[in-house]
Protein backbone atom coordinates (compact mmCIF):
# COMPACT_ATOMS: atom_id res chain seq x y z
CA UNK A 1 0.00 0.00 0.00
CA UNK A 2 1.42 3.35 -1.05
CA UNK A 3 1.30 6.29 1.37
CA UNK A 4 -0.62 9.21 -0.12
CA UNK A 5 0.98 12.45 1.09
CA UNK A 6 -1.70 14.66 -0.46
CA UNK A 7 -4.40 12.90 1.58
CA UNK A 8 -2.31 13.33 4.71
CA UNK A 9 -1.89 17.05 3.93
CA UNK A 10 -5.64 17.41 3.48
CA UNK A 11 -6.34 15.69 6.79
CA UNK A 12 -3.79 17.85 8.60
CA UNK A 13 -5.23 21.02 7.12
CA UNK A 14 -8.79 20.00 8.01
CA UNK A 15 -7.82 19.07 11.55
CA UNK A 16 -6.02 22.40 11.93
CA UNK A 17 -9.03 24.39 10.72
CA UNK A 18 -11.49 22.46 12.89
CA UNK A 19 -9.35 22.81 16.02
CA UNK A 20 -8.91 26.55 15.35
CA UNK A 21 -12.67 27.04 14.98
CA UNK A 22 -13.31 25.05 18.16
CA UNK A 23 -10.69 27.12 19.97
CA UNK A 24 -12.29 30.39 18.86
CA UNK A 25 -15.74 29.16 19.84
CA UNK A 26 -14.59 27.98 23.27
CA UNK A 27 -12.73 31.24 23.84
CA UNK A 28 -15.84 33.28 23.04
CA UNK A 29 -18.12 31.10 25.19
CA UNK A 30 -15.79 30.77 28.20
CA UNK A 31 -14.13 34.18 27.72
CA UNK A 32 -10.85 32.60 28.75
CA UNK A 33 -8.04 32.30 26.22
CA UNK A 34 -5.66 30.66 28.66
CA UNK A 35 -7.94 27.67 29.17
CA UNK A 36 -8.14 27.10 25.39
CA UNK A 37 -4.52 27.74 24.53
CA UNK A 38 -3.85 24.04 23.99
CA UNK A 39 -6.55 23.87 21.31
CA UNK A 40 -4.81 26.64 19.35
CA UNK A 41 -1.50 24.79 19.74
CA UNK A 42 -3.05 21.65 18.22
CA UNK A 43 -4.09 23.79 15.30
CA UNK A 44 -0.61 25.25 14.90
CA UNK A 45 0.99 21.79 15.14
CA UNK A 46 -1.18 20.73 12.21
CA UNK A 47 -0.23 23.77 10.10
CA UNK A 48 3.52 23.80 10.74
CA UNK A 49 4.34 20.72 8.63
CA UNK A 50 2.13 22.06 5.84
CA UNK A 51 4.06 25.34 5.75
CA UNK A 52 7.36 23.42 5.77
CA UNK A 53 6.32 21.20 2.87
CA UNK A 54 5.03 24.17 0.84
CA UNK A 55 8.29 26.07 1.31
CA UNK A 56 10.26 22.97 0.38
CA UNK A 57 8.19 22.47 -2.78
CA UNK A 58 8.58 26.14 -3.71
CA UNK A 59 12.36 25.94 -3.26
CA UNK A 60 12.51 22.80 -5.43
CA UNK A 61 10.41 24.46 -8.14
CA UNK A 62 12.62 27.54 -8.06
CA UNK A 63 15.75 25.40 -8.35
CA UNK A 64 14.23 23.50 -11.28
CA UNK A 65 13.33 26.77 -13.02
CA UNK A 66 16.85 28.10 -12.54
CA UNK A 67 18.32 24.85 -13.86
CA UNK A 68 16.08 25.07 -16.92
CA UNK A 69 17.07 28.70 -17.49
CA UNK A 70 20.80 27.96 -17.31
CA UNK A 71 20.70 25.19 -19.91
CA UNK A 72 22.64 26.15 -23.02
CA UNK A 73 20.46 27.39 -25.83
CA UNK A 74 22.37 25.19 -28.29
CA UNK A 75 20.51 22.21 -26.88
CA UNK A 76 17.58 23.18 -29.10
CA UNK A 77 18.46 22.70 -32.74
CA UNK A 78 17.43 25.46 -35.11
CA UNK A 79 15.08 24.41 -37.90
CA UNK A 80 16.72 23.21 -41.07
CA UNK A 81 16.51 25.25 -44.24
CA UNK A 82 13.95 24.55 -46.90
CA UNK A 83 10.39 25.32 -47.67
CA UNK A 84 7.90 25.97 -44.97
CA UNK A 85 5.07 23.48 -45.03
CA UNK A 86 1.83 24.70 -46.51
CA UNK A 87 3.44 27.47 -48.54
CA UNK A 88 3.23 27.31 -52.32
CA UNK A 89 6.06 28.26 -54.66
CA UNK A 90 5.37 30.72 -57.39
C-alpha atoms as a PDB file:
ATOM      1  CA  UNK A   1       0.000   0.000   0.000  1.00  0.00           C
ATOM      2  CA  UNK A   2       1.419   3.352  -1.047  1.00  0.00           C
ATOM      3  CA  UNK A   3       1.298   6.286   1.373  1.00  0.00           C
ATOM      4  CA  UNK A   4      -0.618   9.207  -0.120  1.00  0.00           C
ATOM      5  CA  UNK A   5       0.981  12.447   1.086  1.00  0.00           C
ATOM      6  CA  UNK A   6      -1.700  14.656  -0.456  1.00  0.00           C
ATOM      7  CA  UNK A   7      -4.402  12.897   1.577  1.00  0.00           C
ATOM      8  CA  UNK A   8      -2.306  13.331   4.712  1.00  0.00           C
ATOM      9  CA  UNK A   9      -1.885  17.045   3.925  1.00  0.00           C
ATOM     10  CA  UNK A  10      -5.641  17.410   3.476  1.00  0.00           C
ATOM     11  CA  UNK A  11      -6.343  15.690   6.787  1.00  0.00           C
ATOM     12  CA  UNK A  12      -3.788  17.847   8.602  1.00  0.00           C
ATOM     13  CA  UNK A  13      -5.231  21.023   7.120  1.00  0.00           C
ATOM     14  CA  UNK A  14      -8.794  19.998   8.006  1.00  0.00           C
ATOM     15  CA  UNK A  15      -7.820  19.071  11.553  1.00  0.00           C
ATOM     16  CA  UNK A  16      -6.021  22.396  11.929  1.00  0.00           C
ATOM     17  CA  UNK A  17      -9.026  24.388  10.719  1.00  0.00           C
ATOM     18  CA  UNK A  18     -11.488  22.458  12.891  1.00  0.00           C
ATOM     19  CA  UNK A  19      -9.352  22.814  16.019  1.00  0.00           C
ATOM     20  CA  UNK A  20      -8.914  26.546  15.352  1.00  0.00           C
ATOM     21  CA  UNK A  21     -12.667  27.041  14.975  1.00  0.00           C
ATOM     22  CA  UNK A  22     -13.308  25.055  18.159  1.00  0.00           C
ATOM     23  CA  UNK A  23     -10.695  27.121  19.970  1.00  0.00           C
ATOM     24  CA  UNK A  24     -12.289  30.394  18.858  1.00  0.00           C
ATOM     25  CA  UNK A  25     -15.741  29.163  19.843  1.00  0.00           C
ATOM     26  CA  UNK A  26     -14.586  27.983  23.268  1.00  0.00           C
ATOM     27  CA  UNK A  27     -12.727  31.240  23.844  1.00  0.00           C
ATOM     28  CA  UNK A  28     -15.839  33.278  23.037  1.00  0.00           C
ATOM     29  CA  UNK A  29     -18.116  31.104  25.190  1.00  0.00           C
ATOM     30  CA  UNK A  30     -15.786  30.770  28.196  1.00  0.00           C
ATOM     31  CA  UNK A  31     -14.125  34.176  27.723  1.00  0.00           C
ATOM     32  CA  UNK A  32     -10.848  32.603  28.755  1.00  0.00           C
ATOM     33  CA  UNK A  33      -8.041  32.300  26.219  1.00  0.00           C
ATOM     34  CA  UNK A  34      -5.657  30.658  28.657  1.00  0.00           C
ATOM     35  CA  UNK A  35      -7.942  27.666  29.167  1.00  0.00           C
ATOM     36  CA  UNK A  36      -8.140  27.103  25.392  1.00  0.00           C
ATOM     37  CA  UNK A  37      -4.525  27.744  24.532  1.00  0.00           C
ATOM     38  CA  UNK A  38      -3.847  24.045  23.995  1.00  0.00           C
ATOM     39  CA  UNK A  39      -6.552  23.873  21.308  1.00  0.00           C
ATOM     40  CA  UNK A  40      -4.806  26.636  19.354  1.00  0.00           C
ATOM     41  CA  UNK A  41      -1.499  24.790  19.737  1.00  0.00           C
ATOM     42  CA  UNK A  42      -3.050  21.650  18.223  1.00  0.00           C
ATOM     43  CA  UNK A  43      -4.091  23.793  15.296  1.00  0.00           C
ATOM     44  CA  UNK A  44      -0.606  25.251  14.903  1.00  0.00           C
ATOM     45  CA  UNK A  45       0.993  21.794  15.141  1.00  0.00           C
ATOM     46  CA  UNK A  46      -1.178  20.732  12.214  1.00  0.00           C
ATOM     47  CA  UNK A  47      -0.233  23.768  10.105  1.00  0.00           C
ATOM     48  CA  UNK A  48       3.523  23.803  10.736  1.00  0.00           C
ATOM     49  CA  UNK A  49       4.337  20.718   8.629  1.00  0.00           C
ATOM     50  CA  UNK A  50       2.128  22.064   5.838  1.00  0.00           C
ATOM     51  CA  UNK A  51       4.063  25.339   5.749  1.00  0.00           C
ATOM     52  CA  UNK A  52       7.360  23.422   5.771  1.00  0.00           C
ATOM     53  CA  UNK A  53       6.319  21.204   2.867  1.00  0.00           C
ATOM     54  CA  UNK A  54       5.027  24.166   0.836  1.00  0.00           C
ATOM     55  CA  UNK A  55       8.285  26.068   1.315  1.00  0.00           C
ATOM     56  CA  UNK A  56      10.259  22.967   0.383  1.00  0.00           C
ATOM     57  CA  UNK A  57       8.187  22.466  -2.782  1.00  0.00           C
ATOM     58  CA  UNK A  58       8.584  26.139  -3.710  1.00  0.00           C
ATOM     59  CA  UNK A  59      12.361  25.935  -3.263  1.00  0.00           C
ATOM     60  CA  UNK A  60      12.509  22.803  -5.433  1.00  0.00           C
ATOM     61  CA  UNK A  61      10.411  24.461  -8.138  1.00  0.00           C
ATOM     62  CA  UNK A  62      12.624  27.537  -8.063  1.00  0.00           C
ATOM     63  CA  UNK A  63      15.754  25.396  -8.350  1.00  0.00           C
ATOM     64  CA  UNK A  64      14.234  23.502 -11.281  1.00  0.00           C
ATOM     65  CA  UNK A  65      13.325  26.770 -13.018  1.00  0.00           C
ATOM     66  CA  UNK A  66      16.850  28.100 -12.540  1.00  0.00           C
ATOM     67  CA  UNK A  67      18.321  24.849 -13.861  1.00  0.00           C
ATOM     68  CA  UNK A  68      16.084  25.070 -16.925  1.00  0.00           C
ATOM     69  CA  UNK A  69      17.073  28.700 -17.487  1.00  0.00           C
ATOM     70  CA  UNK A  70      20.799  27.959 -17.309  1.00  0.00           C
ATOM     71  CA  UNK A  71      20.701  25.193 -19.914  1.00  0.00           C
ATOM     72  CA  UNK A  72      22.642  26.150 -23.021  1.00  0.00           C
ATOM     73  CA  UNK A  73      20.462  27.387 -25.834  1.00  0.00           C
ATOM     74  CA  UNK A  74      22.367  25.190 -28.289  1.00  0.00           C
ATOM     75  CA  UNK A  75      20.506  22.206 -26.878  1.00  0.00           C
ATOM     76  CA  UNK A  76      17.584  23.176 -29.103  1.00  0.00           C
ATOM     77  CA  UNK A  77      18.457  22.697 -32.740  1.00  0.00           C
ATOM     78  CA  UNK A  78      17.432  25.458 -35.114  1.00  0.00           C
ATOM     79  CA  UNK A  79      15.077  24.415 -37.900  1.00  0.00           C
ATOM     80  CA  UNK A  80      16.715  23.207 -41.074  1.00  0.00           C
ATOM     81  CA  UNK A  81      16.511  25.250 -44.240  1.00  0.00           C
ATOM     82  CA  UNK A  82      13.950  24.554 -46.901  1.00  0.00           C
ATOM     83  CA  UNK A  83      10.390  25.318 -47.665  1.00  0.00           C
ATOM     84  CA  UNK A  84       7.902  25.966 -44.971  1.00  0.00           C
ATOM     85  CA  UNK A  85       5.072  23.482 -45.031  1.00  0.00           C
ATOM     86  CA  UNK A  86       1.831  24.696 -46.506  1.00  0.00           C
ATOM     87  CA  UNK A  87       3.436  27.471 -48.542  1.00  0.00           C
ATOM     88  CA  UNK A  88       3.233  27.315 -52.317  1.00  0.00           C
ATOM     89  CA  UNK A  89       6.058  28.257 -54.664  1.00  0.00           C
ATOM     90  CA  UNK A  90       5.375  30.724 -57.394  1.00  0.00           C
END
